[in-house]
Amino acid sequence: MLTLHAAEATPEAAVLVDGAHLAAVGPYEELAAAHPDARLRRWPGILTPGLLNPYGPELLEQAYHPDPREADRLGTEPLFGLRARALLASAPTARGASARRGVQRLLAHGTVAVAGEIRGREALDAVRRAGLAVGARPATLPGPPSLSPAPLVLLPALAAGSPARFAVFDVPDRDALVRQGASTCVATVIGGRLVHRRR
C-alpha cells in the first residue's frame, strides 16, 4: 500500500512510500493528485532526510539509558562514566536493555543513522533490529555525546528509489531545527515503517 507523508511547512517535499522505498518525492499537491488512493499522513513542521548521530558507540555501548521505572532514582537522561559502567555490569541483561532503550531515544530524536565503530553484540543487535543505517563518522566530532548533537548532521536529500528513511520535526524551517534541536521530532520512518511517533 502506498503512503503519502506531507508536512505543513514543507509541502514541496512530500514523499510517497511504497514498502521500504520512496516511490516519489515532490510537491504534495502533485503526488496526491497522481496517487489518490494512497494513505495520507499529515505532519506539523518539516519533513527531512533524518539525522546521523555520530556518537553510536558512546550512546549505545558506553552510556546507560535508565528504564522509566528507574527515573525517580536515576533520572531520564543517559548516564556516562563510572556510574554507567557499574549499571551496565549490574545484570546480564543490563547492557542489551540499555542499548534498546538508547536506540528508542535516538529514534525519538529523528536519528535514522549512527556513526562510529560499534563492537558489542547487544548494541549491534539493537541497531540492526531498528533498521538504523551505519554511516561514516565525521573527522571531527562536534562536542560531547548527545541525543541532539550540535551541530545536527542531516543526511543527503531524499530521492525516488532510495530507502524510505526520514524524520519530521515540529519546527517552521531548518534554521529553527538547528536552534531548537532534535527533541522537536514528531515522527521517524525507517524502511517505510513508522518507528517513532510523538504522542
Protein backbone atom coordinates (compact mmCIF):
# COMPACT_ATOMS: atom_id res chain seq x y z
CA MET A 1 0.00 0.00 0.00
CA LEU A 2 1.25 3.47 -0.88
CA THR A 3 1.56 6.03 1.91
CA LEU A 4 1.94 9.75 1.29
CA HIS A 5 3.73 11.72 4.01
CA ALA A 6 3.43 15.51 3.95
CA ALA A 7 4.50 18.16 6.46
CA GLU A 8 2.80 21.56 6.82
CA ALA A 9 5.93 23.69 6.50
CA THR A 10 7.45 21.73 3.59
CA PRO A 11 4.58 20.86 1.20
CA GLU A 12 7.07 20.89 -1.68
CA ALA A 13 8.95 17.97 -0.13
CA ALA A 14 6.28 15.31 0.34
CA VAL A 15 7.25 11.65 -0.03
CA LEU A 16 5.34 8.67 -1.40
CA VAL A 17 6.35 5.44 0.34
CA ASP A 18 5.96 2.05 -1.32
CA GLY A 19 7.08 -0.67 1.06
CA ALA A 20 10.63 0.03 2.20
CA HIS A 21 11.46 2.56 -0.54
CA LEU A 22 10.46 6.00 -1.73
CA ALA A 23 8.33 5.78 -4.87
CA ALA A 24 8.34 9.54 -5.41
CA VAL A 25 9.43 12.82 -3.85
CA GLY A 26 7.84 16.14 -4.76
CA PRO A 27 5.10 18.68 -4.10
CA TYR A 28 2.22 17.33 -2.02
CA GLU A 29 -0.48 18.50 -4.46
CA GLU A 30 1.15 16.71 -7.39
CA LEU A 31 1.74 13.45 -5.53
CA ALA A 32 -1.78 13.46 -4.03
CA ALA A 33 -3.35 14.05 -7.46
CA ALA A 34 -1.26 11.29 -9.08
CA HIS A 35 -1.97 8.80 -6.28
CA PRO A 36 -5.48 9.50 -4.91
CA ASP A 37 -5.72 6.07 -3.26
CA ALA A 38 -2.54 6.48 -1.17
CA ARG A 39 -2.96 6.56 2.59
CA LEU A 40 -2.18 10.08 3.82
CA ARG A 41 -0.12 11.01 6.88
CA ARG A 42 -0.03 14.73 7.56
CA TRP A 43 2.51 16.14 10.00
CA PRO A 44 3.26 19.50 11.54
CA GLY A 45 6.60 21.11 10.77
CA ILE A 46 9.20 19.97 8.24
CA LEU A 47 9.96 16.64 6.60
CA THR A 48 13.72 15.95 6.40
CA PRO A 49 16.05 13.09 5.39
CA GLY A 50 16.61 12.45 9.11
CA LEU A 51 19.72 12.76 11.22
CA LEU A 52 23.01 10.94 11.55
CA ASN A 53 24.17 10.77 15.15
CA PRO A 54 27.98 10.44 15.17
CA TYR A 55 28.06 9.05 18.72
CA GLY A 56 26.94 5.45 18.13
CA PRO A 57 29.48 3.73 20.44
CA GLU A 58 29.29 6.41 23.12
CA LEU A 59 25.48 6.39 23.30
CA LEU A 60 24.83 2.68 22.78
CA GLU A 61 27.80 0.98 24.43
CA GLN A 62 29.27 3.41 26.95
CA ALA A 63 26.13 5.18 28.19
CA TYR A 64 23.43 3.71 30.41
CA HIS A 65 19.87 4.62 29.45
CA PRO A 66 17.66 4.35 32.54
CA ASP A 67 14.48 2.33 32.40
CA PRO A 68 11.41 4.55 33.02
CA ARG A 69 10.92 2.61 36.29
CA GLU A 70 14.34 3.89 37.40
CA ALA A 71 13.59 7.55 36.65
CA ASP A 72 12.94 8.51 40.28
CA ARG A 73 16.39 7.19 41.23
CA LEU A 74 18.48 7.74 38.07
CA GLY A 75 16.63 10.40 36.08
CA THR A 76 15.74 10.08 32.41
CA GLU A 77 18.90 11.27 30.65
CA PRO A 78 21.75 8.94 29.55
CA LEU A 79 24.39 8.35 32.21
CA PHE A 80 28.11 8.19 31.41
CA GLY A 81 31.39 7.38 33.15
CA LEU A 82 31.88 5.19 36.21
CA ARG A 83 28.20 5.17 37.13
CA ALA A 84 27.22 3.97 33.65
CA ARG A 85 29.87 1.24 33.68
CA ALA A 86 28.62 -0.02 37.04
CA LEU A 87 24.99 -0.06 35.88
CA LEU A 88 25.86 -1.78 32.58
CA ALA A 89 27.64 -4.53 34.54
CA SER A 90 24.92 -4.86 37.19
CA ALA A 91 22.95 -7.65 35.48
CA PRO A 92 23.44 -9.99 32.48
CA THR A 93 20.67 -8.23 30.55
CA ALA A 94 21.53 -4.64 31.52
CA ARG A 95 23.74 -3.91 28.50
CA GLY A 96 21.20 -5.12 25.92
CA ALA A 97 18.24 -3.43 27.62
CA SER A 98 20.12 -0.14 27.83
CA ALA A 99 21.13 -0.35 24.13
CA ARG A 100 17.50 -0.98 23.11
CA ARG A 101 16.31 2.00 25.16
CA GLY A 102 19.12 4.08 23.67
CA VAL A 103 18.01 3.20 20.15
CA GLN A 104 14.42 4.16 21.01
CA ARG A 105 15.64 7.51 22.30
CA LEU A 106 17.68 8.07 19.12
CA LEU A 107 14.60 7.31 17.01
CA ALA A 108 12.61 9.80 19.11
CA HIS A 109 15.21 12.41 18.13
CA GLY A 110 14.86 11.81 14.37
CA THR A 111 18.00 9.71 14.09
CA VAL A 112 17.94 7.31 11.13
CA ALA A 113 21.69 6.55 11.05
CA VAL A 114 24.55 6.29 13.52
CA ALA A 115 28.30 6.51 13.05
CA GLY A 116 31.27 5.14 14.91
CA GLU A 117 32.57 1.62 15.40
CA ILE A 118 30.00 -0.30 17.41
CA ARG A 119 31.51 -3.60 18.57
CA GLY A 120 29.23 -5.04 21.24
CA ARG A 121 26.72 -7.67 20.15
CA GLU A 122 23.91 -6.11 22.21
CA ALA A 123 24.30 -2.67 20.63
CA LEU A 124 24.77 -4.11 17.13
CA ASP A 125 21.60 -6.19 17.55
CA ALA A 126 19.62 -3.13 18.70
CA VAL A 127 20.85 -1.09 15.71
CA ARG A 128 20.04 -3.89 13.23
CA ARG A 129 16.58 -4.56 14.66
CA ALA A 130 15.64 -0.89 14.42
CA GLY A 131 16.96 -0.66 10.86
CA LEU A 132 19.31 2.22 11.64
CA ALA A 133 21.84 2.82 8.89
CA VAL A 134 25.50 2.92 9.87
CA GLY A 135 27.43 5.78 8.31
CA ALA A 136 30.92 7.20 8.29
CA ARG A 137 31.97 9.17 11.32
CA PRO A 138 32.88 12.82 10.70
CA ALA A 139 36.60 13.60 11.00
CA THR A 140 35.91 15.85 13.99
CA LEU A 141 33.11 15.37 16.49
CA PRO A 142 31.01 18.39 17.41
CA GLY A 143 31.13 18.06 21.19
CA PRO A 144 30.09 15.71 23.97
CA PRO A 145 27.87 12.71 23.12
CA SER A 146 24.25 13.77 22.89
CA LEU A 147 20.91 12.58 21.52
CA SER A 148 20.74 16.02 19.89
CA PRO A 149 24.34 16.87 18.98
CA ALA A 150 25.25 20.35 17.86
CA PRO A 151 25.58 20.87 15.00
CA LEU A 152 22.97 18.46 13.72
CA VAL A 153 24.04 16.22 10.81
CA LEU A 154 21.27 15.88 8.20
CA LEU A 155 21.54 13.06 5.69
CA PRO A 156 21.57 13.76 1.91
CA ALA A 157 18.36 14.81 0.14
CA LEU A 158 15.59 12.25 -0.34
CA ALA A 159 15.13 10.79 -3.83
CA ALA A 160 12.80 8.34 -5.55
CA GLY A 161 14.13 4.79 -5.30
CA SER A 162 16.10 5.41 -2.12
CA PRO A 163 15.25 3.74 1.20
CA ALA A 164 12.18 5.18 2.93
CA ARG A 165 14.18 6.68 5.79
CA PHE A 166 13.27 10.16 7.06
CA ALA A 167 12.16 12.22 10.04
CA VAL A 168 9.67 15.00 10.71
CA PHE A 169 10.33 17.85 13.14
CA ASP A 170 7.74 20.26 14.53
CA VAL A 171 9.58 23.44 13.55
CA PRO A 172 8.89 26.02 10.81
CA ASP A 173 12.21 25.58 8.97
CA ARG A 174 15.71 24.09 9.13
CA ASP A 175 17.13 27.14 10.93
CA ALA A 176 14.61 26.56 13.73
CA LEU A 177 15.58 22.88 13.80
CA VAL A 178 19.21 23.86 14.32
CA ARG A 179 18.23 26.28 17.11
CA GLN A 180 15.70 24.05 18.89
CA GLY A 181 17.36 20.68 18.35
CA ALA A 182 16.29 17.14 17.61
CA SER A 183 13.90 16.86 20.56
CA THR A 184 11.33 18.54 18.25
CA CYS A 185 10.96 15.25 16.33
CA VAL A 186 7.35 14.13 15.85
CA ALA A 187 7.90 11.13 13.56
CA THR A 188 10.70 8.87 12.35
CA VAL A 189 10.32 6.41 9.47
CA ILE A 190 12.83 3.65 8.68
CA GLY A 191 12.32 1.04 5.99
CA GLY A 192 8.89 2.51 5.33
CA ARG A 193 7.81 1.77 8.93
CA LEU A 194 6.77 4.46 11.38
CA VAL A 195 9.23 3.63 14.18
CA HIS A 196 8.56 6.72 16.29
CA ARG A 197 5.56 8.96 16.66
CA ARG A 198 5.24 11.60 19.34
CA ARG A 199 2.06 11.05 21.33
